[in-house]
Each structure stands twice: as C-alpha cells, then as structure tokens.
Amino acid sequence: MENHQAASRAKLSGKLTNALDARTLASSNPGLAEVVRAGMAVLDVGCGTGAITRGIAEAVGTQGSAVGFDNDPALIARARSAHDGVPGLAFEVGDVYSLPYEERFDIAAGSRLFVWLADPLRALLRMRAAVRVGGLVVVTDYNHEKIRWEPEPPASMREFYSAYLAWRADAGFDNAIADRLPELLRQAGLERVRTTPRHETAVRSEPGFEARIALWADTASSRGARMAQDGYISKARCEQAENEYREWIRRDARSMTMYMLTAEGVRTS
C-alpha cells in the first residue's frame, strides 16, 4: 500500500504538474480563501508545486507566514524555485502523518490531498495538533463516485474510470472521502464543523474548458502503465480510453462536474 501511495503522489506527468502550477488560491481553494486573513500563520499540507501556497502568503502579507508541506521532494524543489523570495513563504518536505508542528498555525489546510491518504484520520489528528487553540482545520476534497459528464463519455473511458476507482480503493484510498470529511473532523476532536459544496464544473462555453475536462485523458496517460502492471486494465485499453476521450472532448463534450466539498472545524482545546 505504501509503495502504491508513493507512486500515485510522485512523478506526475508534465501536464498534471502544469495543472498544479496553474492553480490559484481564489479559484482552486475558495473555502480557504474565505477564511485567510492578513497576519495569519497558515500551513498548506500537500502543497504540490506551491501555487496555492504562494497565494496564501500574499493574502497573509508581510506580517503573516505560509508553509507549504509535501512528501514529494521534486515538487518541493519546483515550489522553492518558482516562488523564491516571496516574503513569509517557506516549503518543507515531510510525511503528513508526522507533521512536526505543535500549536504553531492559525489554519492548517489540505486540498485534494485526503483522496490520496489511506489513513485520513491520522493526518487530521496531526493537522489539529499543528493549529493553536481557536485555530481552523480546513479540508477540501472530492467524491470521485459522484462525477458527472454531459453527455456520457465513451465506453472506453467509463471502463478506465471504473478500473481507476477499483485500483484506488484496493490500495486503501477512499473514493468518496468528501462526504466523510465532516465526521472525520469530529473524530479528530474538532468542533463547530461545517461543510460547504465546492463542486468544480467545466462548461464548453468557458475559458480553459478543454484543458480542465482533459484531466481524465491525462490520468489515463499518467496512471495507465501502473494500472496495467497491477492487473486492473490493459495498456492498450488505457490508450484507447485516452484517445477516444480526447476525441469526445473535441466533438461532443458539453460539461463535467466533479463533486467537491470543503469541511472546516475549530480546535477548541
């Protein structure tokens, strides 16, 4: 399981890494953007290439601080290179299950991370420990079982997507983690838990539509070899899914909605 998780989080394809670079605090994590204030200290767990973390640093200003934390040294190296010199911004490599902070931050946040964790409660306990009393833990993630395409994509992509969910589930990852976040926050000892829908919808009439909806073609390309090696689908079927899905995007696709929720809770003691 640990090897599977490491392979899933590391060595992203160029297209997927570029997608991380294109994220912003306001557009990619609006739940966090709504609670960040000048002067705060904020921890961004699973920060990837640091684009959102930079937005946090800009929001908290010179009197605040932002720390981006990720288990992938290559992503942290890219983050440090891209955002060098931003005041109050730092990046650290480490394991979310062993966050080395105690009551240091006003907010600990994780976005699109818990869907890749086999033990989300353990991670939440460490995030709770990282915030001061009165601080917030803010988590945003997907329920991959509730994705919606209009119209339905080709059968080859539906086959790939089903295999992808099975591959993830057998590795211990929760495909429906978004809907379980509120209870997990309560189990971690957080109070005043609230949940806000943050569903991501790509519509053909909007800028960037093709790049956004092509996520699953990119996933078939980047994960297909490992899924084939693990016996979930053949490499040829992955390639067929990618090619037919890209053609479907070009000719037929109207929209895609990825179900996402933000859950936040307060450390009260």
Protein backbone atom coordinates (compact mmCIF):
# COMPACT_ATOMS: atom_id res chain seq x y z
CA MET A 1 0.00 0.00 0.00
CA GLU A 2 2.78 2.44 0.89
CA ASN A 3 4.52 1.84 -2.45
CA HIS A 4 1.24 2.35 -4.28
CA GLN A 5 0.64 5.63 -2.44
CA ALA A 6 4.13 6.89 -3.16
CA ALA A 7 3.79 6.02 -6.84
CA SER A 8 0.43 7.76 -7.00
CA ARG A 9 1.62 11.01 -5.41
CA ALA A 10 5.05 11.21 -7.05
CA LYS A 11 6.33 11.64 -10.59
CA LEU A 12 3.33 13.40 -12.05
CA SER A 13 3.31 13.85 -15.80
CA GLY A 14 4.25 17.23 -17.22
CA LYS A 15 0.63 18.08 -17.99
CA LEU A 16 -0.55 17.27 -14.47
CA THR A 17 2.33 19.19 -12.91
CA ASN A 18 1.50 22.17 -15.10
CA ALA A 19 -2.09 21.92 -13.88
CA LEU A 20 -0.79 22.24 -10.31
CA ASP A 21 1.18 25.32 -11.33
CA ALA A 22 -1.95 26.90 -12.80
CA ARG A 23 -3.96 26.72 -9.58
CA THR A 24 -4.68 29.84 -7.54
CA LEU A 25 -5.94 30.34 -4.02
CA ALA A 26 -9.13 32.09 -5.16
CA SER A 27 -10.08 29.72 -7.97
CA SER A 28 -8.77 26.40 -6.67
CA ASN A 29 -9.38 26.67 -2.92
CA PRO A 30 -12.12 29.28 -2.37
CA GLY A 31 -13.04 27.77 1.01
CA LEU A 32 -9.57 28.57 2.30
CA ALA A 33 -9.50 31.96 0.58
CA GLU A 34 -12.62 32.95 2.52
CA VAL A 35 -11.01 32.42 5.95
CA VAL A 36 -7.41 33.55 5.40
CA ARG A 37 -6.66 36.98 6.86
CA ALA A 38 -3.67 39.29 6.99
CA GLY A 39 -1.20 38.40 9.71
CA MET A 40 -2.17 34.73 9.98
CA ALA A 41 0.21 31.77 10.03
CA VAL A 42 -1.08 29.11 7.60
CA LEU A 43 0.06 25.55 6.88
CA ASP A 44 -0.73 24.15 3.42
CA VAL A 45 -0.44 20.35 3.57
CA GLY A 46 0.01 18.56 0.25
CA CYS A 47 1.06 21.82 -1.38
CA GLY A 48 2.43 20.31 -4.60
CA THR A 49 4.24 22.94 -6.66
CA GLY A 50 3.23 25.70 -4.25
CA ALA A 51 0.98 27.84 -6.43
CA ILE A 52 -1.83 27.98 -3.86
CA THR A 53 0.67 28.39 -1.01
CA ARG A 54 2.05 31.46 -2.72
CA GLY A 55 -1.47 32.87 -2.88
CA ILE A 56 -1.79 32.23 0.86
CA ALA A 57 1.48 34.08 1.53
CA GLU A 58 0.25 37.04 -0.50
CA ALA A 59 -3.06 37.03 1.40
CA VAL A 60 -1.49 36.96 4.88
CA GLY A 61 1.01 39.66 3.94
CA THR A 62 4.35 40.53 5.44
CA GLN A 63 3.03 40.20 9.00
CA GLY A 64 1.92 36.62 8.38
CA SER A 65 3.53 33.40 7.16
CA ALA A 66 2.74 30.43 4.94
CA VAL A 67 4.38 26.99 4.98
CA GLY A 68 3.86 24.57 2.12
CA PHE A 69 4.36 20.91 3.08
CA ASP A 70 4.53 17.91 0.73
CA ASN A 71 6.02 14.41 0.69
CA ASP A 72 7.44 14.77 -2.83
CA PRO A 73 10.95 16.30 -2.87
CA ALA A 74 10.71 17.04 -6.61
CA LEU A 75 7.53 19.07 -6.17
CA ILE A 76 9.01 20.98 -3.23
CA ALA A 77 12.15 21.73 -5.24
CA ARG A 78 9.94 23.09 -8.02
CA ALA A 79 7.96 25.15 -5.49
CA ARG A 80 11.10 26.64 -3.97
CA SER A 81 12.47 27.53 -7.40
CA ALA A 82 9.22 29.06 -8.65
CA HIS A 83 8.41 31.10 -5.54
CA ASP A 84 11.83 32.01 -4.20
CA GLY A 85 11.92 35.37 -2.48
CA VAL A 86 8.22 35.67 -1.61
CA PRO A 87 8.09 37.18 1.90
CA GLY A 88 6.92 34.85 4.66
CA LEU A 89 6.79 31.79 2.39
CA ALA A 90 8.61 28.52 3.09
CA PHE A 91 8.38 24.95 1.81
CA GLU A 92 9.16 21.74 3.69
CA VAL A 93 9.38 18.06 2.70
CA GLY A 94 7.80 15.51 5.02
CA ASP A 95 5.09 12.99 5.80
CA VAL A 96 1.62 14.30 6.65
CA TYR A 97 1.31 11.54 9.25
CA SER A 98 4.33 13.00 11.06
CA LEU A 99 3.75 16.75 10.80
CA PRO A 100 6.41 18.25 13.10
CA TYR A 101 4.35 21.19 14.34
CA GLU A 102 2.58 21.84 17.64
CA GLU A 103 0.16 24.77 18.08
CA ARG A 104 2.06 26.89 15.56
CA PHE A 105 -0.57 27.88 12.99
CA ASP A 106 -3.88 29.72 12.82
CA ILE A 107 -5.02 27.49 9.94
CA ALA A 108 -3.94 24.06 8.70
CA ALA A 109 -5.34 23.29 5.26
CA GLY A 110 -5.31 20.37 2.87
CA SER A 111 -6.82 20.42 -0.62
CA ARG A 112 -7.17 17.41 -2.94
CA LEU A 113 -4.91 15.50 -0.56
CA PHE A 114 -7.14 13.24 1.52
CA VAL A 115 -8.37 11.38 -1.52
CA TRP A 116 -4.78 10.04 -1.66
CA LEU A 117 -4.45 9.11 2.02
CA ALA A 118 -5.03 5.61 3.35
CA ASP A 119 -5.38 6.91 6.93
CA PRO A 120 -7.07 10.33 6.75
CA LEU A 121 -7.95 10.45 10.46
CA ARG A 122 -4.30 10.08 11.43
CA ALA A 123 -3.44 13.02 9.17
CA LEU A 124 -6.25 15.13 10.62
CA LEU A 125 -5.03 14.48 14.15
CA ARG A 126 -1.62 15.87 13.19
CA MET A 127 -3.21 18.87 11.47
CA ARG A 128 -5.27 19.55 14.59
CA ALA A 129 -2.09 19.42 16.68
CA ALA A 130 -0.45 21.92 14.33
CA VAL A 131 -3.02 24.68 14.96
CA ARG A 132 -3.38 26.81 18.06
CA VAL A 133 -6.47 26.65 20.25
CA GLY A 134 -9.10 28.58 18.33
CA GLY A 135 -7.43 27.69 15.04
CA LEU A 136 -9.07 26.12 11.98
CA VAL A 137 -8.51 22.92 10.06
CA VAL A 138 -9.83 23.34 6.51
CA VAL A 139 -10.01 20.34 4.18
CA THR A 140 -11.29 20.27 0.60
CA ASP A 141 -11.65 17.10 -1.43
CA TYR A 142 -13.59 15.05 -3.98
CA ASN A 143 -16.12 12.27 -4.05
CA HIS A 144 -14.97 10.58 -7.25
CA GLU A 145 -18.04 8.35 -7.24
CA LYS A 146 -20.26 11.37 -7.97
CA ILE A 147 -18.58 12.72 -11.10
CA ARG A 148 -20.99 13.81 -13.84
CA TRP A 149 -20.31 14.22 -17.56
CA GLU A 150 -22.69 15.63 -20.16
CA PRO A 151 -23.15 13.70 -22.36
CA GLU A 152 -21.70 10.40 -21.15
CA PRO A 153 -18.10 9.89 -22.32
CA PRO A 154 -17.10 6.92 -24.50
CA ALA A 155 -17.44 3.41 -23.09
CA SER A 156 -13.65 3.05 -23.10
CA MET A 157 -13.30 5.99 -20.68
CA ARG A 158 -16.09 4.68 -18.47
CA GLU A 159 -14.24 1.34 -18.35
CA PHE A 160 -10.97 3.11 -17.49
CA TYR A 161 -12.63 5.24 -14.81
CA SER A 162 -14.23 2.22 -13.17
CA ALA A 163 -10.87 0.42 -13.16
CA TYR A 164 -9.20 3.55 -11.77
CA LEU A 165 -11.62 3.71 -8.84
CA ALA A 166 -11.13 0.00 -8.14
CA TRP A 167 -7.34 0.41 -8.30
CA ARG A 168 -7.50 3.26 -5.81
CA ALA A 169 -9.95 1.51 -3.47
CA ASP A 170 -7.85 -1.65 -3.35
CA ALA A 171 -4.86 0.49 -2.36
CA GLY A 172 -6.84 1.79 0.62
CA PHE A 173 -7.91 5.18 -0.75
CA ASP A 174 -11.47 6.41 -0.17
CA ASN A 175 -13.06 7.44 -3.46
CA ALA A 176 -15.96 9.05 -1.56
CA ILE A 177 -13.80 10.90 1.00
CA ALA A 178 -15.56 14.27 0.52
CA ASP A 179 -18.79 13.06 2.10
CA ARG A 180 -16.91 11.53 5.04
CA LEU A 181 -14.90 14.63 5.92
CA PRO A 182 -17.32 16.15 8.48
CA GLU A 183 -17.38 13.01 10.61
CA LEU A 184 -13.62 12.60 10.31
CA LEU A 185 -13.09 16.15 11.56
CA ARG A 186 -15.31 15.41 14.56
CA GLN A 187 -13.42 12.19 15.25
CA ALA A 188 -10.20 14.23 15.23
CA GLY A 189 -11.58 16.36 18.06
CA LEU A 190 -12.55 19.41 16.04
CA GLU A 191 -15.75 21.28 16.82
CA ARG A 192 -18.17 23.66 15.10
CA VAL A 193 -17.72 21.60 11.94
CA ARG A 194 -19.36 22.97 8.83
CA THR A 195 -19.42 21.82 5.21
CA THR A 196 -19.71 23.84 2.00
CA PRO A 197 -20.22 22.49 -1.55
CA ARG A 198 -17.37 23.44 -3.87
CA HIS A 199 -18.23 21.37 -6.94
CA GLU A 200 -15.97 22.02 -9.93
CA THR A 201 -17.82 22.34 -13.23
CA ALA A 202 -16.16 22.76 -16.60
CA VAL A 203 -18.50 24.04 -19.31
CA ARG A 204 -17.67 24.24 -23.01
CA SER A 205 -18.51 27.94 -23.24
CA GLU A 206 -15.95 28.82 -20.55
CA PRO A 207 -12.21 29.54 -21.00
CA GLY A 208 -9.96 26.58 -20.31
CA PHE A 209 -12.72 24.03 -20.80
CA GLU A 210 -10.73 21.52 -22.85
CA ALA A 211 -7.72 21.59 -20.53
CA ARG A 212 -9.89 21.06 -17.47
CA ILE A 213 -12.03 18.26 -18.82
CA ALA A 214 -8.93 16.55 -20.31
CA LEU A 215 -7.88 15.68 -16.74
CA TRP A 216 -9.06 12.11 -17.24
CA ALA A 217 -7.23 11.67 -20.52
CA ASP A 218 -4.09 12.88 -18.75
CA THR A 219 -4.82 10.47 -15.90
CA ALA A 220 -5.17 7.55 -18.31
CA SER A 221 -1.82 8.53 -19.76
CA SER A 222 -0.01 9.01 -16.44
CA ARG A 223 -1.55 6.17 -14.40
CA GLY A 224 -2.29 3.64 -17.13
CA ALA A 225 1.06 1.87 -17.13
CA ARG A 226 0.92 1.29 -13.36
CA MET A 227 -2.71 0.17 -13.52
CA ALA A 228 -1.83 -2.28 -16.30
CA GLN A 229 1.13 -3.56 -14.27
CA ASP A 230 -1.20 -4.09 -11.32
CA GLY A 231 -3.67 -6.02 -13.49
CA TYR A 232 -6.64 -3.62 -13.47
CA ILE A 233 -6.76 -2.79 -17.18
CA SER A 234 -4.57 -3.37 -20.21
CA LYS A 235 -2.23 -0.70 -21.52
CA ALA A 236 -4.00 -0.88 -24.88
CA ARG A 237 -7.39 -0.17 -23.26
CA CYS A 238 -5.90 2.79 -21.40
CA GLU A 239 -4.56 4.19 -24.66
CA GLN A 240 -7.94 3.64 -26.31
CA ALA A 241 -9.69 5.42 -23.43
CA GLU A 242 -7.34 8.38 -23.68
CA ASN A 243 -7.66 8.74 -27.45
CA GLU A 244 -11.43 8.29 -27.62
CA TYR A 245 -11.97 10.62 -24.69
CA ARG A 246 -9.89 13.37 -26.34
CA GLU A 247 -11.95 12.99 -29.50
CA TRP A 248 -15.15 13.12 -27.42
CA ILE A 249 -13.94 16.36 -25.85
CA ARG A 250 -13.27 17.84 -29.28
CA ARG A 251 -16.63 16.89 -30.78
CA ASP A 252 -19.26 16.15 -28.15
CA ALA A 253 -18.42 17.15 -24.58
CA ARG A 254 -20.57 19.85 -23.00
CA SER A 255 -19.67 19.73 -19.34
CA MET A 256 -18.05 17.84 -16.48
CA THR A 257 -18.82 18.30 -12.78
CA MET A 258 -16.50 16.96 -10.11
CA TYR A 259 -18.19 16.71 -6.73
CA MET A 260 -16.16 18.53 -4.09
CA LEU A 261 -16.76 19.69 -0.52
CA THR A 262 -14.90 21.90 1.93
CA ALA A 263 -15.14 20.88 5.58
CA GLU A 264 -13.72 23.01 8.38
CA GLY A 265 -13.55 22.62 12.13
CA VAL A 266 -12.20 24.54 15.10
CA ARG A 267 -9.69 23.37 17.69
CA THR A 268 -11.30 24.40 20.96
CA SER A 269 -8.92 22.85 23.46
